[in-house]
């Protein structure tokens, strides 16, 4: 770049710099997810569970995502017992996956609600969806059936890490059927985690 910088327009320089930054972010995500996956797979996960409000986790997540396409609909009446940093990472990976694999003019929606003693977290996008025959595989490490990140396939690690974190919380994560609404076809992943009986905000 230094050798040819005088032959490149300012616009092209900015484009190359933006591309380099994006690639460094991709590499950082890859390394972070790979290390987390190795940790989840090869050593017992000792969770440091504490009582949290889901709103505190999602507010921090929103600032971390920092994307105008990201929308939240949070309606959880009970506190939850989780390791907040890990749950945030699981949700972040699902949101990041949805943002990369869906149209740039469509929202990605995080919904959280509780029903009886279960916490439900849904991440919905309006991408191309996943064929039914591949839906059981998308949480496998290194599996990727969609194209994202400006046309490049993902590492296939983010959703595997999310599943490992949810499993450690004795929860369940799965793909929901494609649903067509006014915006188009929705595709989503759902996290379900048990809420202990008698847990209060006090």
N, C-alpha and C. Protein backbone atom coordinates (compact mmCIF):
# COMPACT_ATOMS: atom_id res chain seq x y z
N UNK A 1 0.84 -1.20 0.00
CA UNK A 1 0.00 0.00 0.00
C UNK A 1 0.88 1.25 0.00
N UNK A 2 1.93 1.26 0.85
CA UNK A 2 2.83 2.42 0.91
C UNK A 2 3.49 2.69 -0.44
N UNK A 3 3.87 1.58 -1.11
CA UNK A 3 4.60 1.71 -2.37
C UNK A 3 3.76 2.37 -3.45
N UNK A 4 2.44 2.13 -3.43
CA UNK A 4 1.57 2.62 -4.50
C UNK A 4 0.62 3.72 -4.05
N UNK A 5 0.80 4.23 -2.83
CA UNK A 5 -0.19 5.17 -2.29
C UNK A 5 -0.33 6.45 -3.11
N UNK A 6 0.76 6.89 -3.77
CA UNK A 6 0.68 8.12 -4.55
C UNK A 6 -0.05 7.91 -5.88
N UNK A 7 -0.25 6.65 -6.26
CA UNK A 7 -0.95 6.34 -7.51
C UNK A 7 -2.43 6.02 -7.29
N UNK A 8 -2.84 6.04 -6.03
CA UNK A 8 -4.21 5.64 -5.68
C UNK A 8 -5.00 6.87 -5.25
N UNK A 9 -6.22 6.96 -5.71
CA UNK A 9 -7.07 8.09 -5.34
C UNK A 9 -7.45 8.00 -3.86
N UNK A 10 -7.84 9.14 -3.29
CA UNK A 10 -8.26 9.17 -1.89
C UNK A 10 -9.46 8.25 -1.67
N UNK A 11 -10.35 8.22 -2.64
CA UNK A 11 -11.54 7.37 -2.52
C UNK A 11 -11.15 5.89 -2.47
N UNK A 12 -10.20 5.50 -3.32
CA UNK A 12 -9.74 4.11 -3.33
C UNK A 12 -8.99 3.78 -2.05
N UNK A 13 -8.19 4.74 -1.55
CA UNK A 13 -7.48 4.52 -0.29
C UNK A 13 -8.47 4.24 0.84
N UNK A 14 -9.53 5.06 0.91
CA UNK A 14 -10.55 4.88 1.95
C UNK A 14 -11.21 3.52 1.82
N UNK A 15 -11.46 3.11 0.58
CA UNK A 15 -12.08 1.80 0.34
C UNK A 15 -11.18 0.67 0.80
N UNK A 16 -9.88 0.78 0.51
CA UNK A 16 -8.92 -0.25 0.92
C UNK A 16 -8.78 -0.30 2.43
N UNK A 17 -8.75 0.87 3.07
CA UNK A 17 -8.65 0.92 4.53
C UNK A 17 -9.88 0.30 5.17
N UNK A 18 -11.07 0.64 4.66
CA UNK A 18 -12.31 0.06 5.19
C UNK A 18 -12.30 -1.46 5.02
N UNK A 19 -11.83 -1.92 3.87
CA UNK A 19 -11.76 -3.36 3.64
C UNK A 19 -10.80 -4.05 4.59
N UNK A 20 -9.66 -3.40 4.86
CA UNK A 20 -8.68 -3.97 5.79
C UNK A 20 -9.24 -4.04 7.21
N UNK A 21 -9.96 -2.99 7.61
CA UNK A 21 -10.57 -2.97 8.94
C UNK A 21 -11.60 -4.07 9.07
N UNK A 22 -12.43 -4.23 8.03
CA UNK A 22 -13.46 -5.27 8.05
C UNK A 22 -12.84 -6.65 8.13
N UNK A 23 -11.76 -6.87 7.38
CA UNK A 23 -11.09 -8.17 7.43
C UNK A 23 -10.47 -8.42 8.80
N UNK A 24 -9.92 -7.37 9.43
CA UNK A 24 -9.36 -7.55 10.77
C UNK A 24 -10.45 -7.89 11.77
N UNK A 25 -11.64 -7.30 11.60
CA UNK A 25 -12.77 -7.64 12.47
C UNK A 25 -13.19 -9.08 12.25
N UNK A 26 -13.21 -9.53 11.00
CA UNK A 26 -13.56 -10.91 10.70
C UNK A 26 -12.57 -11.87 11.36
N UNK A 27 -11.29 -11.54 11.26
CA UNK A 27 -10.26 -12.39 11.84
C UNK A 27 -10.38 -12.42 13.35
N UNK A 28 -10.66 -11.25 13.96
CA UNK A 28 -10.85 -11.19 15.41
C UNK A 28 -12.02 -12.06 15.84
N UNK A 29 -13.16 -11.96 15.11
CA UNK A 29 -14.32 -12.80 15.44
C UNK A 29 -13.96 -14.28 15.34
N UNK A 30 -13.22 -14.62 14.30
CA UNK A 30 -12.85 -16.02 14.09
C UNK A 30 -12.01 -16.54 15.25
N UNK A 31 -10.97 -15.80 15.63
CA UNK A 31 -10.09 -16.23 16.72
C UNK A 31 -10.85 -16.30 18.04
N UNK A 32 -11.66 -15.28 18.30
CA UNK A 32 -12.44 -15.24 19.54
C UNK A 32 -13.38 -16.44 19.64
N UNK A 33 -14.08 -16.73 18.56
CA UNK A 33 -15.01 -17.86 18.56
C UNK A 33 -14.29 -19.19 18.62
N UNK A 34 -13.14 -19.29 17.93
CA UNK A 34 -12.38 -20.54 17.96
C UNK A 34 -11.89 -20.85 19.37
N UNK A 35 -11.36 -19.85 20.05
CA UNK A 35 -10.88 -20.04 21.42
C UNK A 35 -12.03 -20.41 22.35
N UNK A 36 -13.17 -19.74 22.19
CA UNK A 36 -14.32 -20.03 23.03
C UNK A 36 -14.83 -21.45 22.78
N UNK A 37 -14.84 -21.87 21.52
CA UNK A 37 -15.32 -23.21 21.18
C UNK A 37 -14.41 -24.28 21.76
N UNK A 38 -13.10 -24.09 21.65
CA UNK A 38 -12.15 -25.04 22.23
C UNK A 38 -12.36 -25.15 23.73
N UNK A 39 -12.56 -24.01 24.37
CA UNK A 39 -12.79 -24.00 25.82
C UNK A 39 -14.06 -24.75 26.19
N UNK A 40 -15.12 -24.54 25.43
CA UNK A 40 -16.40 -25.20 25.70
C UNK A 40 -16.32 -26.70 25.46
N UNK A 41 -15.56 -27.10 24.45
CA UNK A 41 -15.51 -28.51 24.05
C UNK A 41 -14.60 -29.35 24.92
N UNK A 42 -13.51 -28.75 25.43
CA UNK A 42 -12.46 -29.56 26.03
C UNK A 42 -12.26 -29.35 27.53
N UNK A 43 -13.07 -28.54 28.14
CA UNK A 43 -12.96 -28.39 29.60
C UNK A 43 -14.35 -28.18 30.18
N UNK A 44 -14.58 -28.69 31.38
CA UNK A 44 -15.90 -28.50 32.01
C UNK A 44 -16.19 -27.01 32.19
N UNK A 45 -17.40 -26.61 31.83
CA UNK A 45 -17.78 -25.21 31.97
C UNK A 45 -18.36 -24.98 33.36
N UNK A 46 -17.64 -24.21 34.17
CA UNK A 46 -18.13 -23.88 35.51
C UNK A 46 -18.73 -22.48 35.46
N UNK A 47 -20.04 -22.44 35.35
CA UNK A 47 -20.72 -21.16 35.21
C UNK A 47 -20.76 -20.40 36.53
N UNK A 48 -20.53 -19.11 36.46
CA UNK A 48 -20.69 -18.23 37.62
C UNK A 48 -22.05 -17.55 37.47
N UNK A 49 -23.07 -18.25 37.95
CA UNK A 49 -24.45 -17.82 37.73
C UNK A 49 -24.86 -16.78 38.76
N UNK A 50 -25.47 -15.72 38.29
CA UNK A 50 -26.00 -14.69 39.16
C UNK A 50 -27.35 -14.24 38.62
N UNK A 51 -28.10 -13.58 39.47
CA UNK A 51 -29.41 -13.07 39.07
C UNK A 51 -29.23 -11.80 38.24
N UNK A 52 -29.90 -11.75 37.10
CA UNK A 52 -29.78 -10.59 36.22
C UNK A 52 -31.12 -10.22 35.62
N UNK A 53 -31.24 -8.96 35.23
CA UNK A 53 -32.35 -8.51 34.41
C UNK A 53 -31.93 -8.65 32.96
N UNK A 54 -32.77 -9.25 32.14
CA UNK A 54 -32.42 -9.44 30.74
C UNK A 54 -32.19 -8.10 30.06
N UNK A 55 -32.88 -7.04 30.53
CA UNK A 55 -32.72 -5.71 29.94
C UNK A 55 -31.28 -5.21 30.07
N UNK A 56 -30.62 -5.52 31.20
CA UNK A 56 -29.24 -5.08 31.38
C UNK A 56 -28.31 -5.75 30.36
N UNK A 57 -28.57 -7.03 30.10
CA UNK A 57 -27.76 -7.76 29.14
C UNK A 57 -28.00 -7.24 27.73
N UNK A 58 -29.26 -7.03 27.37
CA UNK A 58 -29.57 -6.61 26.00
C UNK A 58 -29.18 -5.16 25.73
N UNK A 59 -29.22 -4.31 26.76
CA UNK A 59 -28.78 -2.93 26.57
C UNK A 59 -27.29 -2.87 26.25
N UNK A 60 -26.51 -3.67 26.97
CA UNK A 60 -25.08 -3.73 26.69
C UNK A 60 -24.84 -4.32 25.31
N UNK A 61 -25.63 -5.32 24.96
CA UNK A 61 -25.53 -5.95 23.65
C UNK A 61 -25.82 -4.94 22.54
N UNK A 62 -26.84 -4.11 22.74
CA UNK A 62 -27.23 -3.13 21.72
C UNK A 62 -26.08 -2.17 21.42
N UNK A 63 -25.39 -1.71 22.47
CA UNK A 63 -24.27 -0.79 22.25
C UNK A 63 -23.10 -1.51 21.58
N UNK A 64 -22.97 -2.78 21.84
CA UNK A 64 -21.89 -3.58 21.23
C UNK A 64 -22.16 -3.83 19.75
N UNK A 65 -23.41 -4.10 19.40
CA UNK A 65 -23.77 -4.35 18.00
C UNK A 65 -23.66 -3.07 17.19
N UNK A 66 -24.21 -1.97 17.74
CA UNK A 66 -24.11 -0.64 17.12
C UNK A 66 -24.44 -0.66 15.63
N UNK A 67 -25.62 -1.17 15.31
CA UNK A 67 -26.06 -1.24 13.92
C UNK A 67 -27.50 -0.76 13.85
N UNK A 68 -27.81 0.24 13.01
CA UNK A 68 -29.18 0.77 12.96
C UNK A 68 -30.21 -0.25 12.50
N UNK A 69 -29.79 -1.33 11.87
CA UNK A 69 -30.73 -2.38 11.46
C UNK A 69 -31.19 -3.24 12.62
N UNK A 70 -30.45 -3.19 13.73
CA UNK A 70 -30.74 -4.06 14.87
C UNK A 70 -31.85 -3.46 15.72
N UNK A 71 -32.93 -4.22 15.90
CA UNK A 71 -34.08 -3.79 16.68
C UNK A 71 -34.32 -4.79 17.81
N UNK A 72 -34.86 -4.29 18.93
CA UNK A 72 -35.13 -5.16 20.07
C UNK A 72 -36.57 -5.02 20.54
N UNK A 73 -37.12 -6.13 20.98
CA UNK A 73 -38.46 -6.17 21.57
C UNK A 73 -38.35 -7.05 22.82
N UNK A 74 -38.16 -6.41 23.97
CA UNK A 74 -37.89 -7.12 25.22
C UNK A 74 -39.09 -7.04 26.14
N UNK A 75 -39.59 -8.18 26.54
CA UNK A 75 -40.76 -8.23 27.42
C UNK A 75 -40.63 -9.41 28.38
N UNK A 76 -39.73 -9.26 29.34
CA UNK A 76 -39.45 -10.31 30.32
C UNK A 76 -39.77 -9.78 31.70
N UNK A 77 -40.67 -10.44 32.40
CA UNK A 77 -41.13 -9.94 33.70
C UNK A 77 -40.31 -10.47 34.86
N UNK A 78 -39.53 -11.53 34.66
CA UNK A 78 -38.80 -12.17 35.75
C UNK A 78 -37.29 -11.96 35.58
N UNK A 79 -36.55 -11.95 36.69
CA UNK A 79 -35.10 -11.99 36.59
C UNK A 79 -34.67 -13.39 36.14
N UNK A 80 -33.47 -13.50 35.63
CA UNK A 80 -32.97 -14.79 35.17
C UNK A 80 -31.67 -15.12 35.89
N UNK A 81 -31.34 -16.40 35.97
CA UNK A 81 -30.12 -16.85 36.62
C UNK A 81 -29.17 -17.38 35.54
N UNK A 82 -28.19 -16.55 35.17
CA UNK A 82 -27.28 -16.89 34.07
C UNK A 82 -25.90 -16.30 34.36
N UNK A 83 -24.92 -16.71 33.56
CA UNK A 83 -23.65 -15.99 33.52
C UNK A 83 -23.79 -14.96 32.41
N UNK A 84 -23.96 -13.71 32.79
CA UNK A 84 -24.40 -12.68 31.84
C UNK A 84 -23.47 -12.50 30.65
N UNK A 85 -22.15 -12.51 30.87
CA UNK A 85 -21.22 -12.29 29.77
C UNK A 85 -21.32 -13.40 28.72
N UNK A 86 -21.51 -14.63 29.20
CA UNK A 86 -21.62 -15.75 28.26
C UNK A 86 -22.93 -15.70 27.49
N UNK A 87 -24.04 -15.43 28.19
CA UNK A 87 -25.32 -15.34 27.48
C UNK A 87 -25.29 -14.21 26.46
N UNK A 88 -24.69 -13.09 26.84
CA UNK A 88 -24.57 -11.98 25.89
C UNK A 88 -23.78 -12.41 24.66
N UNK A 89 -22.71 -13.19 24.87
CA UNK A 89 -21.90 -13.64 23.73
C UNK A 89 -22.71 -14.55 22.82
N UNK A 90 -23.52 -15.43 23.41
CA UNK A 90 -24.35 -16.33 22.60
C UNK A 90 -25.33 -15.54 21.75
N UNK A 91 -25.99 -14.56 22.37
CA UNK A 91 -26.96 -13.74 21.62
C UNK A 91 -26.23 -12.91 20.57
N UNK A 92 -25.09 -12.35 20.94
CA UNK A 92 -24.32 -11.53 20.00
C UNK A 92 -23.95 -12.34 18.75
N UNK A 93 -23.51 -13.58 18.96
CA UNK A 93 -23.13 -14.41 17.82
C UNK A 93 -24.32 -14.65 16.89
N UNK A 94 -25.50 -14.86 17.48
CA UNK A 94 -26.69 -15.08 16.66
C UNK A 94 -27.08 -13.82 15.91
N UNK A 95 -27.00 -12.67 16.59
CA UNK A 95 -27.32 -11.39 15.94
C UNK A 95 -26.31 -11.08 14.84
N UNK A 96 -25.03 -11.27 15.14
CA UNK A 96 -23.98 -11.02 14.15
C UNK A 96 -24.18 -11.89 12.92
N UNK A 97 -24.53 -13.15 13.14
CA UNK A 97 -24.80 -14.07 12.04
C UNK A 97 -25.97 -13.56 11.19
N UNK A 98 -27.03 -13.12 11.86
CA UNK A 98 -28.22 -12.64 11.15
C UNK A 98 -27.91 -11.38 10.35
N UNK A 99 -27.14 -10.46 10.92
CA UNK A 99 -26.80 -9.22 10.22
C UNK A 99 -25.96 -9.50 8.97
N UNK A 100 -25.07 -10.46 9.06
CA UNK A 100 -24.19 -10.76 7.93
C UNK A 100 -24.91 -11.50 6.80
N UNK A 101 -25.97 -12.24 7.15
CA UNK A 101 -26.61 -13.09 6.16
C UNK A 101 -27.98 -12.59 5.73
N UNK A 102 -28.29 -11.34 5.94
CA UNK A 102 -29.60 -10.82 5.56
C UNK A 102 -29.44 -9.52 4.78
N UNK A 103 -30.46 -9.12 4.01
CA UNK A 103 -30.36 -7.92 3.17
C UNK A 103 -30.06 -6.67 3.98
N UNK A 104 -29.27 -5.78 3.40
CA UNK A 104 -28.84 -4.56 4.09
C UNK A 104 -29.97 -3.59 4.35
N UNK A 105 -31.12 -3.77 3.69
CA UNK A 105 -32.25 -2.86 3.91
C UNK A 105 -33.33 -3.48 4.79
N UNK A 106 -33.03 -4.62 5.41
CA UNK A 106 -34.01 -5.30 6.27
C UNK A 106 -33.51 -5.35 7.71
N UNK A 107 -34.43 -5.30 8.69
CA UNK A 107 -34.01 -5.33 10.09
C UNK A 107 -33.65 -6.73 10.57
N UNK A 108 -32.89 -6.77 11.63
CA UNK A 108 -32.68 -7.99 12.41
C UNK A 108 -33.30 -7.72 13.78
N UNK A 109 -34.18 -8.59 14.21
CA UNK A 109 -34.99 -8.32 15.41
C UNK A 109 -34.67 -9.32 16.51
N UNK A 110 -34.34 -8.79 17.68
CA UNK A 110 -34.15 -9.61 18.87
C UNK A 110 -35.41 -9.51 19.72
N UNK A 111 -36.05 -10.64 19.97
CA UNK A 111 -37.22 -10.68 20.84
C UNK A 111 -36.90 -11.52 22.06
N UNK A 112 -37.27 -11.04 23.23
CA UNK A 112 -37.09 -11.81 24.46
C UNK A 112 -38.36 -11.71 25.28
N UNK A 113 -38.83 -12.84 25.76
CA UNK A 113 -40.03 -12.87 26.59
C UNK A 113 -39.99 -14.10 27.47
N UNK A 114 -40.76 -14.08 28.54
CA UNK A 114 -40.85 -15.24 29.42
C UNK A 114 -42.26 -15.79 29.39
N UNK A 115 -42.35 -17.10 29.48
CA UNK A 115 -43.62 -17.80 29.51
C UNK A 115 -43.52 -18.86 30.58
N UNK A 116 -44.33 -18.70 31.65
CA UNK A 116 -44.21 -19.56 32.82
C UNK A 116 -42.77 -19.48 33.32
N UNK A 117 -42.02 -20.59 33.34
CA UNK A 117 -40.65 -20.55 33.88
C UNK A 117 -39.60 -20.72 32.78
N UNK A 118 -39.93 -20.28 31.58
CA UNK A 118 -38.96 -20.36 30.49
C UNK A 118 -38.67 -18.98 29.91
N UNK A 119 -37.40 -18.72 29.66
CA UNK A 119 -36.98 -17.52 28.95
C UNK A 119 -36.80 -17.88 27.48
N UNK A 120 -37.45 -17.13 26.61
CA UNK A 120 -37.32 -17.34 25.17
C UNK A 120 -36.59 -16.14 24.56
N UNK A 121 -35.57 -16.42 23.78
CA UNK A 121 -34.84 -15.38 23.06
C UNK A 121 -34.85 -15.76 21.58
N UNK A 122 -35.40 -14.89 20.76
CA UNK A 122 -35.48 -15.14 19.32
C UNK A 122 -34.69 -14.09 18.56
N UNK A 123 -33.93 -14.52 17.59
CA UNK A 123 -33.24 -13.62 16.67
C UNK A 123 -33.79 -13.89 15.28
N UNK A 124 -34.44 -12.87 14.71
CA UNK A 124 -35.13 -13.03 13.43
C UNK A 124 -34.46 -12.18 12.35
N UNK A 125 -34.32 -12.75 11.16
CA UNK A 125 -33.84 -11.95 10.04
C UNK A 125 -34.67 -12.25 8.80
N UNK A 126 -34.44 -11.47 7.76
CA UNK A 126 -35.17 -11.62 6.50
C UNK A 126 -34.23 -12.07 5.39
N UNK A 127 -33.31 -12.96 5.73
CA UNK A 127 -32.39 -13.49 4.75
C UNK A 127 -33.02 -14.61 3.93
N UNK A 128 -32.16 -15.35 3.25
CA UNK A 128 -32.64 -16.39 2.35
C UNK A 128 -33.12 -17.63 3.08
N UNK A 129 -32.86 -17.70 4.38
CA UNK A 129 -33.30 -18.87 5.13
C UNK A 129 -32.34 -20.04 4.99
N UNK A 130 -32.66 -21.12 5.67
CA UNK A 130 -31.85 -22.33 5.64
C UNK A 130 -32.73 -23.48 5.16
N UNK A 131 -32.30 -24.24 4.16
CA UNK A 131 -33.08 -25.40 3.74
C UNK A 131 -33.30 -26.36 4.90
N UNK A 132 -34.47 -27.00 4.92
CA UNK A 132 -34.81 -27.89 6.04
C UNK A 132 -33.76 -28.96 6.28
N UNK A 133 -33.18 -29.48 5.19
CA UNK A 133 -32.22 -30.58 5.34
C UNK A 133 -30.92 -30.14 6.00
N UNK A 134 -30.70 -28.82 6.10
CA UNK A 134 -29.46 -28.32 6.70
C UNK A 134 -29.66 -27.75 8.10
N UNK A 135 -30.89 -27.67 8.56
CA UNK A 135 -31.15 -26.94 9.81
C UNK A 135 -30.56 -27.62 11.04
N UNK A 136 -30.41 -28.93 11.01
CA UNK A 136 -29.82 -29.62 12.15
C UNK A 136 -28.32 -29.43 12.21
N UNK A 137 -27.73 -28.91 11.13
CA UNK A 137 -26.28 -28.82 11.05
C UNK A 137 -25.73 -27.42 11.32
N UNK A 138 -26.58 -26.41 11.34
CA UNK A 138 -26.03 -25.05 11.39
C UNK A 138 -25.35 -24.72 12.71
N UNK A 139 -25.61 -25.52 13.75
CA UNK A 139 -24.94 -25.30 15.03
C UNK A 139 -23.69 -26.16 15.17
N UNK A 140 -23.32 -26.88 14.10
CA UNK A 140 -22.09 -27.66 14.11
C UNK A 140 -20.91 -26.75 13.79
N UNK A 141 -19.78 -27.01 14.43
CA UNK A 141 -18.59 -26.20 14.18
C UNK A 141 -18.15 -26.29 12.73
N UNK A 142 -17.79 -25.16 12.16
CA UNK A 142 -17.25 -25.01 10.81
C UNK A 142 -18.28 -25.27 9.71
N UNK A 143 -19.56 -25.40 10.09
CA UNK A 143 -20.59 -25.57 9.06
C UNK A 143 -21.16 -24.22 8.68
N UNK A 144 -21.27 -23.95 7.41
CA UNK A 144 -21.88 -22.71 6.94
C UNK A 144 -22.60 -22.99 5.63
N UNK A 145 -23.91 -22.69 5.59
CA UNK A 145 -24.69 -22.97 4.38
C UNK A 145 -25.11 -21.70 3.67
N UNK A 146 -24.79 -20.54 4.26
CA UNK A 146 -25.17 -19.28 3.62
C UNK A 146 -23.92 -18.46 3.33
N UNK A 147 -24.06 -17.45 2.52
CA UNK A 147 -22.94 -16.58 2.16
C UNK A 147 -23.15 -15.21 2.77
N UNK A 148 -22.15 -14.73 3.47
CA UNK A 148 -22.28 -13.42 4.11
C UNK A 148 -20.96 -12.69 4.09
N UNK A 149 -20.84 -11.67 4.95
CA UNK A 149 -19.61 -10.88 5.02
C UNK A 149 -19.17 -10.42 3.64
N UNK A 150 -20.06 -9.66 2.98
CA UNK A 150 -19.77 -9.09 1.66
C UNK A 150 -19.49 -10.18 0.64
N UNK A 151 -20.20 -11.31 0.75
CA UNK A 151 -20.08 -12.35 -0.25
C UNK A 151 -19.22 -13.53 0.16
N UNK A 152 -18.51 -13.42 1.27
CA UNK A 152 -17.68 -14.52 1.72
C UNK A 152 -18.44 -15.37 2.72
N UNK A 153 -18.20 -16.68 2.69
CA UNK A 153 -18.84 -17.54 3.67
C UNK A 153 -18.29 -17.28 5.05
N UNK A 154 -19.10 -17.51 6.08
CA UNK A 154 -18.64 -17.32 7.44
C UNK A 154 -17.79 -18.49 7.89
N UNK A 155 -17.25 -18.39 9.09
CA UNK A 155 -16.37 -19.44 9.61
C UNK A 155 -17.15 -20.64 10.10
N UNK A 156 -18.44 -20.46 10.37
CA UNK A 156 -19.22 -21.57 10.90
C UNK A 156 -18.95 -21.82 12.37
N UNK A 157 -18.40 -20.84 13.08
CA UNK A 157 -18.07 -21.01 14.50
C UNK A 157 -19.05 -20.31 15.42
N UNK A 158 -19.60 -19.17 15.00
CA UNK A 158 -20.42 -18.35 15.89
C UNK A 158 -21.62 -19.07 16.47
N UNK A 159 -22.37 -19.78 15.63
CA UNK A 159 -23.55 -20.48 16.12
C UNK A 159 -23.17 -21.70 16.95
N UNK A 160 -22.03 -22.33 16.63
CA UNK A 160 -21.56 -23.46 17.43
C UNK A 160 -21.22 -23.00 18.85
N UNK A 161 -20.58 -21.84 18.95
CA UNK A 161 -20.27 -21.28 20.27
C UNK A 161 -21.56 -20.93 21.01
N UNK A 162 -22.51 -20.32 20.31
CA UNK A 162 -23.80 -19.98 20.93
C UNK A 162 -24.46 -21.23 21.51
N UNK A 163 -24.46 -22.31 20.74
CA UNK A 163 -25.07 -23.55 21.21
C UNK A 163 -24.33 -24.09 22.44
N UNK A 164 -23.00 -24.03 22.42
CA UNK A 164 -22.23 -24.51 23.56
C UNK A 164 -22.55 -23.74 24.83
N UNK A 165 -22.71 -22.43 24.70
CA UNK A 165 -23.05 -21.59 25.86
C UNK A 165 -24.44 -21.91 26.37
N UNK A 166 -25.39 -22.04 25.45
CA UNK A 166 -26.76 -22.36 25.86
C UNK A 166 -26.82 -23.75 26.50
N UNK A 167 -26.11 -24.71 25.93
CA UNK A 167 -26.05 -26.05 26.51
C UNK A 167 -25.50 -26.00 27.93
N UNK A 168 -24.48 -25.17 28.16
CA UNK A 168 -23.89 -25.04 29.49
C UNK A 168 -24.90 -24.51 30.50
N UNK A 169 -25.85 -23.70 30.02
CA UNK A 169 -26.93 -23.19 30.88
C UNK A 169 -28.11 -24.17 30.96
N UNK A 170 -27.89 -25.38 30.44
CA UNK A 170 -28.94 -26.41 30.39
C UNK A 170 -30.16 -25.91 29.62
N UNK A 171 -29.89 -25.12 28.62
CA UNK A 171 -30.95 -24.61 27.77
C UNK A 171 -30.98 -25.35 26.45
N UNK A 172 -31.72 -24.80 25.51
CA UNK A 172 -31.90 -25.43 24.21
C UNK A 172 -31.92 -24.33 23.15
N UNK A 173 -31.28 -24.59 22.03
CA UNK A 173 -31.31 -23.64 20.92
C UNK A 173 -31.69 -24.38 19.65
N UNK A 174 -32.55 -23.79 18.85
CA UNK A 174 -32.99 -24.45 17.63
C UNK A 174 -33.41 -23.42 16.59
N UNK A 175 -33.60 -23.89 15.38
CA UNK A 175 -34.04 -23.06 14.27
C UNK A 175 -35.55 -23.14 14.17
N UNK A 176 -36.18 -21.99 13.92
CA UNK A 176 -37.63 -22.01 13.70
C UNK A 176 -37.92 -22.02 12.21
N UNK A 177 -39.10 -22.46 11.88
CA UNK A 177 -39.53 -22.51 10.48
C UNK A 177 -39.53 -21.11 9.88
N UNK A 178 -39.33 -21.02 8.58
CA UNK A 178 -39.47 -19.74 7.90
C UNK A 178 -40.91 -19.28 7.98
N UNK A 179 -41.10 -18.02 8.34
CA UNK A 179 -42.44 -17.45 8.49
C UNK A 179 -42.55 -16.23 7.58
N UNK A 180 -43.58 -16.19 6.76
CA UNK A 180 -43.78 -15.05 5.86
C UNK A 180 -44.73 -14.04 6.47
N UNK A 181 -44.30 -12.77 6.52
CA UNK A 181 -45.16 -11.70 7.01
C UNK A 181 -45.08 -10.53 6.05
N UNK A 182 -45.51 -9.35 6.47
CA UNK A 182 -45.53 -8.19 5.58
C UNK A 182 -44.14 -7.78 5.10
N UNK A 183 -43.12 -8.09 5.89
CA UNK A 183 -41.75 -7.69 5.53
C UNK A 183 -41.09 -8.69 4.58
N UNK A 184 -41.58 -9.92 4.56
CA UNK A 184 -40.95 -10.96 3.76
C UNK A 184 -40.85 -12.24 4.54
N UNK A 185 -39.85 -13.04 4.24
CA UNK A 185 -39.68 -14.33 4.91
C UNK A 185 -38.74 -14.19 6.09
N UNK A 186 -39.21 -14.59 7.27
CA UNK A 186 -38.39 -14.54 8.48
C UNK A 186 -37.70 -15.88 8.70
N UNK A 187 -36.46 -15.81 9.14
CA UNK A 187 -35.73 -16.98 9.58
C UNK A 187 -35.20 -16.66 10.96
N UNK A 188 -35.21 -17.62 11.85
CA UNK A 188 -34.74 -17.27 13.18
C UNK A 188 -34.21 -18.43 13.98
N UNK A 189 -33.50 -18.09 15.05
CA UNK A 189 -33.01 -19.05 16.03
C UNK A 189 -33.64 -18.70 17.37
N UNK A 190 -33.90 -19.70 18.17
CA UNK A 190 -34.55 -19.50 19.46
C UNK A 190 -33.71 -20.13 20.57
N UNK A 191 -33.49 -19.38 21.65
CA UNK A 191 -32.86 -19.91 22.86
C UNK A 191 -33.94 -20.08 23.91
N UNK A 192 -33.95 -21.23 24.57
CA UNK A 192 -34.87 -21.46 25.68
C UNK A 192 -34.04 -21.80 26.92
N UNK A 193 -34.23 -21.06 28.01
CA UNK A 193 -33.52 -21.31 29.26
C UNK A 193 -34.51 -21.32 30.41
N UNK A 194 -34.38 -22.31 31.28
CA UNK A 194 -35.27 -22.43 32.43
C UNK A 194 -35.00 -21.30 33.43
N UNK A 195 -36.08 -20.73 33.98
CA UNK A 195 -35.98 -19.71 35.03
C UNK A 195 -36.33 -20.37 36.36
N UNK A 196 -35.45 -20.31 37.37
CA UNK A 196 -35.75 -20.95 38.65
C UNK A 196 -37.03 -20.40 39.27
N UNK A 197 -37.80 -21.27 39.89
CA UNK A 197 -39.04 -20.86 40.55
C UNK A 197 -38.70 -19.99 41.76
N UNK A 198 -39.48 -18.92 41.96
CA UNK A 198 -39.33 -18.08 43.14
C UNK A 198 -38.28 -17.00 43.02
N UNK A 199 -37.65 -16.86 41.85
CA UNK A 199 -36.64 -15.82 41.66
C UNK A 199 -37.33 -14.46 41.51
N UNK A 200 -36.91 -13.48 42.29
CA UNK A 200 -37.53 -12.15 42.24
C UNK A 200 -36.47 -11.10 41.98
N UNK A 201 -36.91 -9.88 41.68
CA UNK A 201 -35.98 -8.78 41.41
C UNK A 201 -35.33 -8.25 42.68
N UNK A 202 -35.91 -8.52 43.85
CA UNK A 202 -35.34 -7.99 45.09
C UNK A 202 -34.02 -8.68 45.40
